[in-house]
Amino acid sequence: MKTALITGAARGIGLATAKGLAGDGWRVAMLDRDSQALTEAVAQIEGAVRIDADVSVPEDVRRVVTEITAGFGRLDGLVNNAGVADFGPIRDTSFERWRRVMETNLDGPFLMTQAFTDLLADNGGGAVVNITSISGLRASTLRVAYGTSKAGLAQLTLQQAVELGDLGIRVNAVAPGPVATKLAMAVHSQDIIDAYHDAIPLNRYGTEDEIAAAVMFLLGDKASFVTGQILAADGGFEAAGIGLPSLRG
């Protein structure tokens, strides 16, 4: 049975990916530092393994390797989904806020992939999928830390793919565009929703399940010759990044 470890699995894209993989017959380990939310998430997936850890803490990462090795004995897929979203003007972004974003969004995928390289290399090589963002491919206001961290993660994906390919490990990333998560819908005003509608060629937000489907494709055998790619699952948002929405008509 194939096995996968998903970070940031207590909600959103991470939880949707865990459900999708479990539905396809994978055994999944769900990692998060939000203990209460993780309890509720794991209860939704039969046979899921719970791991309480913070991917930005090296000691936690080393412990997770021990737990996965003891519990699974193998790892076929690693989804680096854990992330921190912190939006604000450059002048108001303190170094502490900057570091908090970088620690989870960039240090975490570096530490996790490095720590699991040997286990992923067993059995012919596994796959890694990093969850970056459309904010790492195109600049936007209020995202100096978040966007920069995700752009760094996109480059880290390429570095990992080039170096780990010799071990049979494929590394790709999914860059979600605007996704209709509960959090996004709670904080996005109607003006923001309308603006995204106008800017996205498909005229809507994506869903968590649609992003999970892209992740599952990159983890699976149908993507066996795909590595070093940043797949923008964004409804065409990046493609429409130049030009005024009003000119599309």
Protein backbone atom coordinates (compact mmCIF):
# COMPACT_ATOMS: atom_id res chain seq x y z
CA MET A 1 0.00 0.00 0.00
CA LYS A 2 1.35 3.42 -0.93
CA THR A 3 1.87 5.86 1.92
CA ALA A 4 1.81 9.64 2.09
CA LEU A 5 2.60 12.28 4.67
CA ILE A 6 0.70 15.57 4.40
CA THR A 7 1.72 18.60 6.46
CA GLY A 8 -0.80 21.24 7.41
CA ALA A 9 -3.39 18.49 7.15
CA ALA A 10 -5.86 19.71 9.75
CA ARG A 11 -7.86 21.83 7.32
CA GLY A 12 -8.16 23.21 3.81
CA ILE A 13 -6.06 21.84 0.98
CA GLY A 14 -4.14 19.52 3.30
CA LEU A 15 -7.28 17.87 4.62
CA ALA A 16 -8.80 17.62 1.12
CA THR A 17 -5.61 15.95 -0.13
CA ALA A 18 -5.58 13.49 2.75
CA LYS A 19 -9.22 12.56 2.04
CA GLY A 20 -8.54 12.17 -1.67
CA LEU A 21 -5.49 9.97 -1.21
CA ALA A 22 -7.24 7.81 1.38
CA GLY A 23 -10.13 7.40 -1.03
CA ASP A 24 -7.67 6.17 -3.66
CA GLY A 25 -6.31 3.53 -1.30
CA TRP A 26 -3.29 5.34 0.10
CA ARG A 27 -2.41 5.15 3.76
CA VAL A 28 -2.02 8.69 5.04
CA ALA A 29 -0.24 10.40 7.90
CA MET A 30 -1.64 13.79 8.81
CA LEU A 31 0.69 16.32 10.41
CA ASP A 32 -0.24 19.64 11.98
CA ARG A 33 0.71 21.80 14.95
CA ASP A 34 -2.92 22.71 15.69
CA SER A 35 -3.72 19.80 17.98
CA GLN A 36 -7.45 20.45 18.36
CA ALA A 37 -8.07 20.89 14.63
CA LEU A 38 -5.95 17.83 13.88
CA THR A 39 -8.06 15.72 16.22
CA GLU A 40 -11.19 16.66 14.30
CA ALA A 41 -9.53 16.12 10.91
CA VAL A 42 -8.05 12.69 11.65
CA ALA A 43 -11.44 11.49 12.87
CA GLN A 44 -12.78 12.02 9.34
CA ILE A 45 -10.38 9.57 7.68
CA GLU A 46 -10.39 5.92 8.63
CA GLY A 47 -6.92 4.59 9.37
CA ALA A 48 -5.19 7.97 9.22
CA VAL A 49 -2.10 8.36 11.38
CA ARG A 50 -1.93 11.48 13.50
CA ILE A 51 1.35 13.40 13.93
CA ASP A 52 1.56 16.49 16.13
CA ALA A 53 4.57 18.49 14.99
CA ASP A 54 5.84 21.84 13.74
CA VAL A 55 7.69 21.57 10.42
CA SER A 56 9.79 24.64 11.22
CA VAL A 57 11.39 22.96 14.25
CA PRO A 58 14.30 20.64 13.30
CA GLU A 59 13.83 18.51 16.42
CA ASP A 60 10.19 17.92 15.51
CA VAL A 61 11.14 16.98 11.96
CA ARG A 62 13.65 14.40 13.16
CA ARG A 63 11.00 12.91 15.45
CA VAL A 64 8.54 12.70 12.57
CA VAL A 65 11.05 10.71 10.51
CA THR A 66 11.33 8.24 13.37
CA GLU A 67 7.54 7.96 13.70
CA ILE A 68 6.95 7.46 9.97
CA THR A 69 9.76 4.92 9.68
CA ALA A 70 8.41 2.95 12.62
CA GLY A 71 4.76 3.22 11.62
CA PHE A 72 4.97 2.87 7.82
CA GLY A 73 8.46 1.58 7.03
CA ARG A 74 8.25 3.49 3.73
CA LEU A 75 7.14 6.81 2.26
CA ASP A 76 5.87 7.19 -1.29
CA GLY A 77 4.56 10.74 -1.15
CA LEU A 78 5.35 13.88 0.82
CA VAL A 79 3.07 16.91 0.54
CA ASN A 80 4.62 20.05 2.01
CA ASN A 81 1.40 22.00 2.54
CA ALA A 82 1.87 23.63 5.95
CA GLY A 83 1.92 27.38 5.56
CA VAL A 84 1.43 30.71 7.28
CA ALA A 85 -0.43 33.57 5.59
CA ASP A 86 0.49 37.01 6.91
CA PHE A 87 -0.61 39.95 4.79
CA GLY A 88 0.34 43.57 5.32
CA PRO A 89 2.21 46.56 3.88
CA ILE A 90 5.99 46.31 3.60
CA ARG A 91 6.52 49.14 6.08
CA ASP A 92 4.32 47.43 8.65
CA THR A 93 5.91 43.99 8.31
CA SER A 94 8.24 43.50 11.25
CA PHE A 95 11.20 41.16 11.04
CA GLU A 96 9.45 38.89 13.52
CA ARG A 97 6.44 38.60 11.17
CA TRP A 98 8.78 38.04 8.21
CA ARG A 99 10.64 35.24 10.01
CA ARG A 100 7.42 33.58 11.19
CA VAL A 101 6.28 33.24 7.58
CA MET A 102 9.66 32.09 6.28
CA GLU A 103 10.12 29.50 9.02
CA THR A 104 7.00 27.58 8.07
CA ASN A 105 6.61 28.33 4.36
CA LEU A 106 10.24 27.89 3.28
CA ASP A 107 12.29 26.37 6.11
CA GLY A 108 9.63 23.68 6.67
CA PRO A 109 9.68 22.19 3.14
CA PHE A 110 13.48 22.33 3.13
CA LEU A 111 13.75 20.50 6.44
CA MET A 112 11.04 17.93 5.68
CA THR A 113 12.26 16.98 2.23
CA GLN A 114 15.87 16.78 3.34
CA ALA A 115 14.95 14.63 6.35
CA PHE A 116 12.83 12.21 4.30
CA THR A 117 15.13 11.89 1.28
CA ASP A 118 16.46 8.46 2.24
CA LEU A 119 13.01 7.02 2.94
CA LEU A 120 11.59 8.51 -0.25
CA ALA A 121 14.46 7.03 -2.25
CA ASP A 122 13.59 3.50 -1.17
CA ASN A 123 11.30 1.33 -3.32
CA GLY A 124 12.39 3.06 -6.54
CA GLY A 125 11.79 6.62 -5.42
CA GLY A 126 8.77 8.57 -4.24
CA ALA A 127 7.33 11.99 -5.01
CA VAL A 128 7.26 15.34 -3.27
CA VAL A 129 4.68 18.04 -3.90
CA ASN A 130 5.27 21.49 -2.45
CA ILE A 131 2.28 23.79 -2.12
CA THR A 132 3.42 27.20 -3.25
CA SER A 133 1.02 29.91 -4.46
CA ILE A 134 0.11 32.10 -7.36
CA SER A 135 1.50 34.83 -5.07
CA GLY A 136 4.92 33.29 -5.67
CA LEU A 137 4.54 33.66 -9.44
CA ARG A 138 3.07 37.16 -9.65
CA ALA A 139 3.50 40.04 -7.23
CA SER A 140 0.63 41.60 -5.36
CA THR A 141 0.29 44.20 -2.65
CA LEU A 142 0.40 43.25 1.04
CA ARG A 143 2.27 39.99 0.36
CA VAL A 144 5.92 40.88 0.87
CA ALA A 145 6.59 37.98 3.24
CA TYR A 146 4.03 35.50 1.95
CA GLY A 147 4.73 36.05 -1.75
CA THR A 148 8.49 36.01 -1.27
CA SER A 149 8.32 32.80 0.76
CA LYS A 150 6.25 31.11 -1.95
CA ALA A 151 8.56 32.32 -4.72
CA GLY A 152 11.43 30.87 -2.74
CA LEU A 153 9.54 27.60 -2.40
CA ALA A 154 9.04 27.47 -6.18
CA GLN A 155 12.81 27.78 -6.66
CA LEU A 156 13.46 25.25 -3.89
CA THR A 157 11.20 22.86 -5.81
CA LEU A 158 13.44 23.16 -8.88
CA GLN A 159 16.60 22.69 -6.82
CA GLN A 160 15.17 19.60 -5.16
CA ALA A 161 13.99 18.14 -8.47
CA VAL A 162 17.39 18.56 -10.11
CA GLU A 163 19.38 17.11 -7.23
CA LEU A 164 17.06 14.32 -6.08
CA GLY A 165 16.24 13.03 -9.56
CA ASP A 166 19.28 10.76 -9.40
CA LEU A 167 17.57 8.98 -6.50
CA GLY A 168 14.36 8.51 -8.45
CA ILE A 169 12.56 11.16 -6.41
CA ARG A 170 10.25 13.47 -8.33
CA VAL A 171 9.63 16.96 -6.93
CA ASN A 172 6.92 19.28 -8.22
CA ALA A 173 4.77 22.09 -6.87
CA VAL A 174 1.18 23.20 -7.11
CA ALA A 175 0.57 26.94 -7.08
CA PRO A 176 -3.06 27.51 -6.11
CA GLY A 177 -4.85 30.64 -7.17
CA PRO A 178 -7.73 32.04 -5.11
CA VAL A 179 -9.43 29.11 -3.36
CA ALA A 180 -12.83 29.20 -1.68
CA THR A 181 -11.71 28.06 1.74
CA LYS A 182 -13.82 28.86 4.79
CA LEU A 183 -11.16 31.34 5.92
CA ALA A 184 -11.03 33.12 2.57
CA MET A 185 -14.78 33.40 2.33
CA ALA A 186 -14.92 34.78 5.86
CA VAL A 187 -12.43 37.59 5.23
CA HIS A 188 -12.93 38.44 1.54
CA SER A 189 -15.31 41.32 1.05
CA GLN A 190 -17.79 41.34 -1.80
CA ASP A 191 -15.54 43.81 -3.63
CA ILE A 192 -12.65 41.36 -3.43
CA ILE A 193 -14.81 38.48 -4.60
CA ASP A 194 -16.05 40.54 -7.54
CA ALA A 195 -12.52 41.61 -8.43
CA TYR A 196 -11.30 38.01 -8.51
CA HIS A 197 -14.31 37.08 -10.63
CA ASP A 198 -13.25 39.70 -13.16
CA ALA A 199 -9.55 38.79 -13.08
CA ILE A 200 -9.84 35.00 -13.37
CA PRO A 201 -10.69 33.66 -16.84
CA LEU A 202 -12.84 30.89 -15.36
CA ASN A 203 -14.70 33.60 -13.40
CA ARG A 204 -14.68 31.83 -10.05
CA TYR A 205 -12.63 30.71 -7.10
CA GLY A 206 -11.16 27.22 -7.08
CA THR A 207 -12.13 24.57 -4.56
CA GLU A 208 -9.98 22.67 -2.09
CA ASP A 209 -10.84 19.42 -3.89
CA GLU A 210 -9.65 20.83 -7.22
CA ILE A 211 -6.26 21.71 -5.74
CA ALA A 212 -6.08 18.30 -4.07
CA ALA A 213 -6.71 16.66 -7.45
CA ALA A 214 -3.69 18.44 -8.90
CA VAL A 215 -1.57 17.30 -5.96
CA MET A 216 -2.76 13.72 -6.36
CA PHE A 217 -1.91 13.73 -10.06
CA LEU A 218 1.66 14.83 -9.35
CA LEU A 219 2.04 12.18 -6.63
CA GLY A 220 0.67 9.40 -8.82
CA ASP A 221 2.06 7.06 -11.45
CA LYS A 222 0.47 9.02 -14.30
CA ALA A 223 3.01 11.77 -13.58
CA SER A 224 5.95 9.34 -13.53
CA PHE A 225 7.98 11.45 -16.01
CA VAL A 226 7.02 14.82 -14.53
CA THR A 227 9.45 16.59 -12.22
CA GLY A 228 10.66 20.12 -11.63
CA GLN A 229 7.30 21.66 -12.58
CA ILE A 230 5.24 24.39 -10.96
CA LEU A 231 1.61 23.67 -11.81
CA ALA A 232 -0.59 26.74 -11.40
CA ALA A 233 -4.07 25.54 -10.47
CA ASP A 234 -5.56 29.01 -10.69
CA GLY A 235 -8.37 29.20 -13.22
CA GLY A 236 -6.06 31.08 -15.59
CA PHE A 237 -5.26 33.86 -13.08
CA GLU A 238 -1.54 33.91 -13.91
CA ALA A 239 -2.17 33.84 -17.65
CA ALA A 240 -4.38 36.91 -17.32
CA GLY A 241 -1.84 38.79 -15.23
CA ILE A 242 -1.13 41.39 -17.90
CA GLY A 243 -3.81 43.76 -19.14
CA LEU A 244 -6.97 45.26 -17.74
CA PRO A 245 -9.91 42.94 -17.03
CA SER A 246 -12.19 45.37 -18.88
CA LEU A 247 -10.25 44.72 -22.10
CA ARG A 248 -11.12 41.03 -22.02
CA GLY A 249 -14.57 41.86 -23.32
